Structure formats: C-alpha cells, structure tokens
PDB file of all heavy atoms in Angstrom:
ATOM      1  N   ARG A   1      -0.748   6.357   6.220  1.00  0.00           N
ATOM      2  CA  ARG A   1       0.132   7.119   7.076  1.00  0.00           C
ATOM      3  C   ARG A   1       0.256   6.440   8.432  1.00  0.00           C
ATOM      4  O   ARG A   1      -0.709   5.954   8.997  1.00  0.00           O
ATOM      5  CB  ARG A   1      -0.419   8.527   7.247  1.00  0.00           C
ATOM      6  CG  ARG A   1      -1.909   8.531   7.635  1.00  0.00           C
ATOM      7  CD  ARG A   1      -2.303   9.803   8.326  1.00  0.00           C
ATOM      8  NE  ARG A   1      -3.737   9.910   8.519  1.00  0.00           N
ATOM      9  CZ  ARG A   1      -4.417   9.267   9.459  1.00  0.00           C
ATOM     10  NH1 ARG A   1      -3.796   8.437  10.262  1.00  0.00           N
ATOM     11  NH2 ARG A   1      -5.713   9.447   9.589  1.00  0.00           N
ATOM     12  N   LEU A   2       1.449   6.423   8.961  1.00  0.00           N
ATOM     13  CA  LEU A   2       1.701   5.855  10.278  1.00  0.00           C
ATOM     14  C   LEU A   2       2.486   6.806  11.166  1.00  0.00           C
ATOM     15  O   LEU A   2       2.803   6.485  12.300  1.00  0.00           O
ATOM     16  CB  LEU A   2       2.483   4.539  10.155  1.00  0.00           C
ATOM     17  CG  LEU A   2       1.740   3.394   9.475  1.00  0.00           C
ATOM     18  CD1 LEU A   2       2.671   2.210   9.285  1.00  0.00           C
ATOM     19  CD2 LEU A   2       0.540   2.974  10.296  1.00  0.00           C
ATOM     20  N   ASP A   3       2.813   8.001  10.639  1.00  0.00           N
ATOM     21  CA  ASP A   3       3.679   8.906  11.382  1.00  0.00           C
ATOM     22  C   ASP A   3       2.911   9.952  12.185  1.00  0.00           C
ATOM     23  O   ASP A   3       3.503  10.798  12.842  1.00  0.00           O
ATOM     24  CB  ASP A   3       4.654   9.612  10.439  1.00  0.00           C
ATOM     25  CG  ASP A   3       3.947  10.420   9.352  1.00  0.00           C
ATOM     26  OD1 ASP A   3       2.703  10.443   9.356  1.00  0.00           O
ATOM     27  OD2 ASP A   3       4.646  11.026   8.521  1.00  0.00           O
ATOM     28  N   GLY A   4       1.584   9.927  12.120  1.00  0.00           N
ATOM     29  CA  GLY A   4       0.798  10.874  12.872  1.00  0.00           C
ATOM     30  C   GLY A   4       0.727  12.253  12.261  1.00  0.00           C
ATOM     31  O   GLY A   4       0.150  13.166  12.839  1.00  0.00           O
ATOM     32  N   SER A   5       1.274  12.439  11.072  1.00  0.00           N
ATOM     33  CA  SER A   5       1.333  13.763  10.465  1.00  0.00           C
ATOM     34  C   SER A   5       0.009  14.194   9.869  1.00  0.00           C
ATOM     35  O   SER A   5      -0.239  15.379   9.670  1.00  0.00           O
ATOM     36  CB  SER A   5       2.394  13.772   9.353  1.00  0.00           C
ATOM     37  OG  SER A   5       1.982  12.950   8.272  1.00  0.00           O
ATOM     38  N   GLY A   6      -0.844  13.230   9.536  1.00  0.00           N
ATOM     39  CA  GLY A   6      -2.087  13.564   8.867  1.00  0.00           C
ATOM     40  C   GLY A   6      -1.949  13.667   7.369  1.00  0.00           C
ATOM     41  O   GLY A   6      -2.928  13.904   6.673  1.00  0.00           O
ATOM     42  N   HIS A   7      -0.740  13.492   6.840  1.00  0.00           N
ATOM     43  CA  HIS A   7      -0.554  13.580   5.396  1.00  0.00           C
ATOM     44  C   HIS A   7      -1.144  12.358   4.714  1.00  0.00           C
ATOM     45  O   HIS A   7      -1.099  11.244   5.239  1.00  0.00           O
ATOM     46  CB  HIS A   7       0.933  13.687   5.038  1.00  0.00           C
ATOM     47  CG  HIS A   7       1.574  14.940   5.552  1.00  0.00           C
ATOM     48  ND1 HIS A   7       1.051  16.186   5.321  1.00  0.00           N
ATOM     49  CD2 HIS A   7       2.683  15.138   6.300  1.00  0.00           C
ATOM     50  CE1 HIS A   7       1.823  17.094   5.885  1.00  0.00           C
ATOM     51  NE2 HIS A   7       2.814  16.479   6.500  1.00  0.00           N
ATOM     52  N   ALA A   8      -1.704  12.574   3.531  1.00  0.00           N
ATOM     53  CA  ALA A   8      -2.239  11.466   2.755  1.00  0.00           C
ATOM     54  C   ALA A   8      -1.098  10.573   2.278  1.00  0.00           C
ATOM     55  O   ALA A   8       0.035  11.032   2.104  1.00  0.00           O
ATOM     56  CB  ALA A   8      -3.020  12.002   1.560  1.00  0.00           C
ATOM     57  N   PRO A   9      -1.370   9.294   2.053  1.00  0.00           N
ATOM     58  CA  PRO A   9      -0.334   8.390   1.546  1.00  0.00           C
ATOM     59  C   PRO A   9       0.227   8.875   0.216  1.00  0.00           C
ATOM     60  O   PRO A   9      -0.472   9.502  -0.581  1.00  0.00           O
ATOM     61  CB  PRO A   9      -1.075   7.062   1.384  1.00  0.00           C
ATOM     62  CG  PRO A   9      -2.241   7.160   2.299  1.00  0.00           C
ATOM     63  CD  PRO A   9      -2.631   8.594   2.306  1.00  0.00           C
ATOM     64  N   SER A  10       1.472   8.581  -0.035  1.00  0.00           N
ATOM     65  CA  SER A  10       2.113   9.008  -1.267  1.00  0.00           C
ATOM     66  C   SER A  10       1.639   8.179  -2.447  1.00  0.00           C
ATOM     67  O   SER A  10       1.062   7.097  -2.281  1.00  0.00           O
ATOM     68  CB  SER A  10       3.633   8.861  -1.137  1.00  0.00           C
ATOM     69  OG  SER A  10       3.984   7.495  -1.046  1.00  0.00           O
ATOM     70  N   ALA A  11       1.906   8.695  -3.655  1.00  0.00           N
ATOM     71  CA  ALA A  11       1.522   7.969  -4.866  1.00  0.00           C
ATOM     72  C   ALA A  11       2.200   6.610  -4.927  1.00  0.00           C
ATOM     73  O   ALA A  11       1.645   5.647  -5.462  1.00  0.00           O
ATOM     74  CB  ALA A  11       1.865   8.796  -6.099  1.00  0.00           C
ATOM     75  N   ALA A  12       3.401   6.510  -4.361  1.00  0.00           N
ATOM     76  CA  ALA A  12       4.129   5.243  -4.387  1.00  0.00           C
ATOM     77  C   ALA A  12       3.379   4.146  -3.645  1.00  0.00           C
ATOM     78  O   ALA A  12       3.530   2.958  -3.962  1.00  0.00           O
ATOM     79  CB  ALA A  12       5.520   5.430  -3.773  1.00  0.00           C
ATOM     80  N   SER A  13       2.550   4.530  -2.682  1.00  0.00           N
ATOM     81  CA  SER A  13       1.817   3.517  -1.921  1.00  0.00           C
ATOM     82  C   SER A  13       0.741   2.851  -2.762  1.00  0.00           C
ATOM     83  O   SER A  13       0.191   1.823  -2.374  1.00  0.00           O
ATOM     84  CB  SER A  13       1.183   4.142  -0.675  1.00  0.00           C
ATOM     85  OG  SER A  13       0.097   4.985  -1.023  1.00  0.00           O
ATOM     86  N   ARG A  14       0.421   3.431  -3.921  1.00  0.00           N
ATOM     87  CA  ARG A  14      -0.593   2.845  -4.796  1.00  0.00           C
ATOM     88  C   ARG A  14       0.027   2.031  -5.931  1.00  0.00           C
ATOM     89  O   ARG A  14      -0.672   1.627  -6.861  1.00  0.00           O
ATOM     90  CB  ARG A  14      -1.482   3.962  -5.362  1.00  0.00           C
ATOM     91  CG  ARG A  14      -2.227   4.735  -4.289  1.00  0.00           C
ATOM     92  CD  ARG A  14      -3.244   5.698  -4.876  1.00  0.00           C
ATOM     93  NE  ARG A  14      -2.619   6.815  -5.553  1.00  0.00           N
ATOM     94  CZ  ARG A  14      -2.239   7.949  -4.955  1.00  0.00           C
ATOM     95  NH1 ARG A  14      -2.419   8.085  -3.648  1.00  0.00           N
ATOM     96  NH2 ARG A  14      -1.702   8.927  -5.638  1.00  0.00           N
ATOM     97  N   ASP A  15       1.313   1.766  -5.842  1.00  0.00           N
ATOM     98  CA  ASP A  15       2.013   0.974  -6.851  1.00  0.00           C
ATOM     99  C   ASP A  15       2.010  -0.492  -6.426  1.00  0.00           C
ATOM    100  O   ASP A  15       2.630  -0.861  -5.427  1.00  0.00           O
ATOM    101  CB  ASP A  15       3.449   1.481  -7.005  1.00  0.00           C
ATOM    102  CG  ASP A  15       4.227   0.730  -8.075  1.00  0.00           C
ATOM    103  OD1 ASP A  15       3.622  -0.141  -8.745  1.00  0.00           O
ATOM    104  OD2 ASP A  15       5.428   0.999  -8.232  1.00  0.00           O
ATOM    105  N   TYR A  16       1.312  -1.308  -7.198  1.00  0.00           N
ATOM    106  CA  TYR A  16       1.207  -2.737  -6.875  1.00  0.00           C
ATOM    107  C   TYR A  16       1.853  -3.596  -7.954  1.00  0.00           C
ATOM    108  O   TYR A  16       1.514  -4.770  -8.094  1.00  0.00           O
ATOM    109  CB  TYR A  16      -0.264  -3.121  -6.680  1.00  0.00           C
ATOM    110  CG  TYR A  16      -0.869  -2.470  -5.454  1.00  0.00           C
ATOM    111  CD1 TYR A  16      -1.488  -1.215  -5.535  1.00  0.00           C
ATOM    112  CD2 TYR A  16      -0.803  -3.085  -4.218  1.00  0.00           C
ATOM    113  CE1 TYR A  16      -2.026  -0.612  -4.414  1.00  0.00           C
ATOM    114  CE2 TYR A  16      -1.346  -2.493  -3.087  1.00  0.00           C
ATOM    115  CZ  TYR A  16      -1.954  -1.248  -3.199  1.00  0.00           C
ATOM    116  OH  TYR A  16      -2.486  -0.643  -2.076  1.00  0.00           O
ATOM    117  N   ASP A  17       2.742  -3.006  -8.713  1.00  0.00           N
ATOM    118  CA  ASP A  17       3.520  -3.724  -9.735  1.00  0.00           C
ATOM    119  C   ASP A  17       2.601  -4.495 -10.686  1.00  0.00           C
ATOM    120  O   ASP A  17       2.900  -5.626 -11.084  1.00  0.00           O
ATOM    121  CB  ASP A  17       4.516  -4.675  -9.055  1.00  0.00           C
ATOM    122  CG  ASP A  17       5.625  -5.137 -10.011  1.00  0.00           C
ATOM    123  OD1 ASP A  17       5.934  -4.389 -10.965  1.00  0.00           O
ATOM    124  OD2 ASP A  17       6.180  -6.222  -9.792  1.00  0.00           O
ATOM    125  N   GLY A  18       1.469  -3.873 -11.024  1.00  0.00           N
ATOM    126  CA  GLY A  18       0.580  -4.463 -12.015  1.00  0.00           C
ATOM    127  C   GLY A  18      -0.344  -5.546 -11.518  1.00  0.00           C
ATOM    128  O   GLY A  18      -1.135  -6.092 -12.292  1.00  0.00           O
ATOM    129  N   ASP A  19      -0.278  -5.879 -10.224  1.00  0.00           N
ATOM    130  CA  ASP A  19      -1.112  -6.968  -9.705  1.00  0.00           C
ATOM    131  C   ASP A  19      -1.603  -6.597  -8.315  1.00  0.00           C
ATOM    132  O   ASP A  19      -1.075  -7.055  -7.303  1.00  0.00           O
ATOM    133  CB  ASP A  19      -0.319  -8.270  -9.661  1.00  0.00           C
ATOM    134  CG  ASP A  19      -1.159  -9.465  -9.181  1.00  0.00           C
ATOM    135  OD1 ASP A  19      -2.398  -9.316  -9.068  1.00  0.00           O
ATOM    136  OD2 ASP A  19      -0.576 -10.531  -8.920  1.00  0.00           O
ATOM    137  N   VAL A  20      -2.634  -5.758  -8.269  1.00  0.00           N
ATOM    138  CA  VAL A  20      -3.125  -5.310  -6.970  1.00  0.00           C
ATOM    139  C   VAL A  20      -3.742  -6.465  -6.184  1.00  0.00           C
ATOM    140  O   VAL A  20      -3.578  -6.546  -4.956  1.00  0.00           O
ATOM    141  CB  VAL A  20      -4.145  -4.158  -7.136  1.00  0.00           C
ATOM    142  CG1 VAL A  20      -5.410  -4.616  -7.845  1.00  0.00           C
ATOM    143  CG2 VAL A  20      -4.471  -3.525  -5.796  1.00  0.00           C
ATOM    144  N   VAL A  21      -4.406  -7.387  -6.855  1.00  0.00           N
ATOM    145  CA  VAL A  21      -5.055  -8.497  -6.148  1.00  0.00           C
ATOM    146  C   VAL A  21      -4.019  -9.396  -5.484  1.00  0.00           C
ATOM    147  O   VAL A  21      -4.077  -9.665  -4.277  1.00  0.00           O
ATOM    148  CB  VAL A  21      -5.943  -9.309  -7.100  1.00  0.00           C
ATOM    149  CG1 VAL A  21      -6.529 -10.522  -6.380  1.00  0.00           C
ATOM    150  CG2 VAL A  21      -7.064  -8.435  -7.665  1.00  0.00           C
ATOM    151  N   GLY A  22      -3.051  -9.840  -6.267  1.00  0.00           N
ATOM    152  CA  GLY A  22      -2.032 -10.730  -5.716  1.00  0.00           C
ATOM    153  C   GLY A  22      -1.215 -10.067  -4.623  1.00  0.00           C
ATOM    154  O   GLY A  22      -0.883 -10.692  -3.605  1.00  0.00           O
ATOM    155  N   THR A  23      -0.889  -8.784  -4.812  1.00  0.00           N
ATOM    156  CA  THR A  23      -0.074  -8.083  -3.826  1.00  0.00           C
ATOM    157  C   THR A  23      -0.830  -7.872  -2.527  1.00  0.00           C
ATOM    158  O   THR A  23      -0.286  -8.085  -1.429  1.00  0.00           O
ATOM    159  CB  THR A  23       0.392  -6.725  -4.382  1.00  0.00           C
ATOM    160  OG1 THR A  23       1.102  -6.936  -5.602  1.00  0.00           O
ATOM    161  CG2 THR A  23       1.296  -6.006  -3.394  1.00  0.00           C
ATOM    162  N   VAL A  24      -2.095  -7.465  -2.619  1.00  0.00           N
ATOM    163  CA  VAL A  24      -2.893  -7.261  -1.408  1.00  0.00           C
ATOM    164  C   VAL A  24      -3.060  -8.579  -0.654  1.00  0.00           C
ATOM    165  O   VAL A  24      -2.920  -8.625   0.574  1.00  0.00           O
ATOM    166  CB  VAL A  24      -4.263  -6.647  -1.754  1.00  0.00           C
ATOM    167  CG1 VAL A  24      -5.227  -6.745  -0.566  1.00  0.00           C
ATOM    168  CG2 VAL A  24      -4.094  -5.190  -2.175  1.00  0.00           C
ATOM    169  N   VAL A  25      -3.316  -9.647  -1.370  1.00  0.00           N
ATOM    170  CA  VAL A  25      -3.470 -10.955  -0.719  1.00  0.00           C
ATOM    171  C   VAL A  25      -2.167 -11.361  -0.034  1.00  0.00           C
ATOM    172  O   VAL A  25      -2.174 -11.825   1.121  1.00  0.00           O
ATOM    173  CB  VAL A  25      -3.914 -12.017  -1.734  1.00  0.00           C
ATOM    174  CG1 VAL A  25      -3.837 -13.421  -1.122  1.00  0.00           C
ATOM    175  CG2 VAL A  25      -5.333 -11.744  -2.209  1.00  0.00           C
ATOM    176  N   ASP A  26      -1.046 -11.172  -0.718  1.00  0.00           N
ATOM    177  CA  ASP A  26       0.249 -11.530  -0.119  1.00  0.00           C
ATOM    178  C   ASP A  26       0.538 -10.696   1.125  1.00  0.00           C
ATOM    179  O   ASP A  26       1.013 -11.223   2.150  1.00  0.00           O
ATOM    180  CB  ASP A  26       1.371 -11.341  -1.135  1.00  0.00           C
ATOM    181  CG  ASP A  26       1.367 -12.399  -2.231  1.00  0.00           C
ATOM    182  OD1 ASP A  26       0.667 -13.420  -2.072  1.00  0.00           O
ATOM    183  OD2 ASP A  26       2.064 -12.195  -3.249  1.00  0.00           O
ATOM    184  N   GLU A  27       0.241  -9.407   1.041  1.00  0.00           N
ATOM    185  CA  GLU A  27       0.527  -8.529   2.182  1.00  0.00           C
ATOM    186  C   GLU A  27      -0.409  -8.820   3.357  1.00  0.00           C
ATOM    187  O   GLU A  27       0.005  -8.747   4.519  1.00  0.00           O
ATOM    188  CB  GLU A  27       0.470  -7.068   1.752  1.00  0.00           C
ATOM    189  CG  GLU A  27       1.613  -6.705   0.805  1.00  0.00           C
ATOM    190  CD  GLU A  27       1.607  -5.256   0.336  1.00  0.00           C
ATOM    191  OE1 GLU A  27       0.720  -4.477   0.774  1.00  0.00           O
ATOM    192  OE2 GLU A  27       2.485  -4.885  -0.461  1.00  0.00           O
ATOM    193  N   LEU A  28      -1.660  -9.158   3.066  1.00  0.00           N
ATOM    194  CA  LEU A  28      -2.560  -9.540   4.147  1.00  0.00           C
ATOM    195  C   LEU A  28      -2.151 -10.876   4.771  1.00  0.00           C
ATOM    196  O   LEU A  28      -2.241 -11.058   5.989  1.00  0.00           O
ATOM    197  CB  LEU A  28      -4.000  -9.618   3.641  1.00  0.00           C
ATOM    198  CG  LEU A  28      -4.755  -8.290   3.569  1.00  0.00           C
ATOM    199  CD1 LEU A  28      -6.114  -8.489   2.913  1.00  0.00           C
ATOM    200  CD2 LEU A  28      -4.922  -7.669   4.953  1.00  0.00           C
ATOM    201  N   ALA A  29      -1.685 -11.801   3.930  1.00  0.00           N
ATOM    202  CA  ALA A  29      -1.210 -13.087   4.467  1.00  0.00           C
ATOM    203  C   ALA A  29      -0.026 -12.874   5.410  1.00  0.00           C
ATOM    204  O   ALA A  29       0.059 -13.503   6.479  1.00  0.00           O
ATOM    205  CB  ALA A  29      -0.821 -14.019   3.322  1.00  0.00           C
ATOM    206  N   ALA A  30       0.868 -11.975   5.035  1.00  0.00           N
ATOM    207  CA  ALA A  30       2.018 -11.660   5.891  1.00  0.00           C
ATOM    208  C   ALA A  30       1.556 -11.008   7.195  1.00  0.00           C
ATOM    209  O   ALA A  30       2.118 -11.265   8.270  1.00  0.00           O
ATOM    210  CB  ALA A  30       2.992 -10.749   5.149  1.00  0.00           C
TER     211      ALA A  30
END
C-alpha cells in the first residue's frame, strides 16, 4: 500500500506471472 489507507495489498499484487524470482529481481534492479 502506498495510499496511506492502511488497506492490505490486493491479490493482484501477488501475481508474478509464474516467475516470482525473476520478477522480483527485475523489479529490484529497476
């Protein structure tokens, strides 16, 4: 969450298109 609402992240935020390792590494690199 980045909006200050206190709401938990949505289910869509846990979608890594089948490759959580590669996606997390790419997003951290960015």
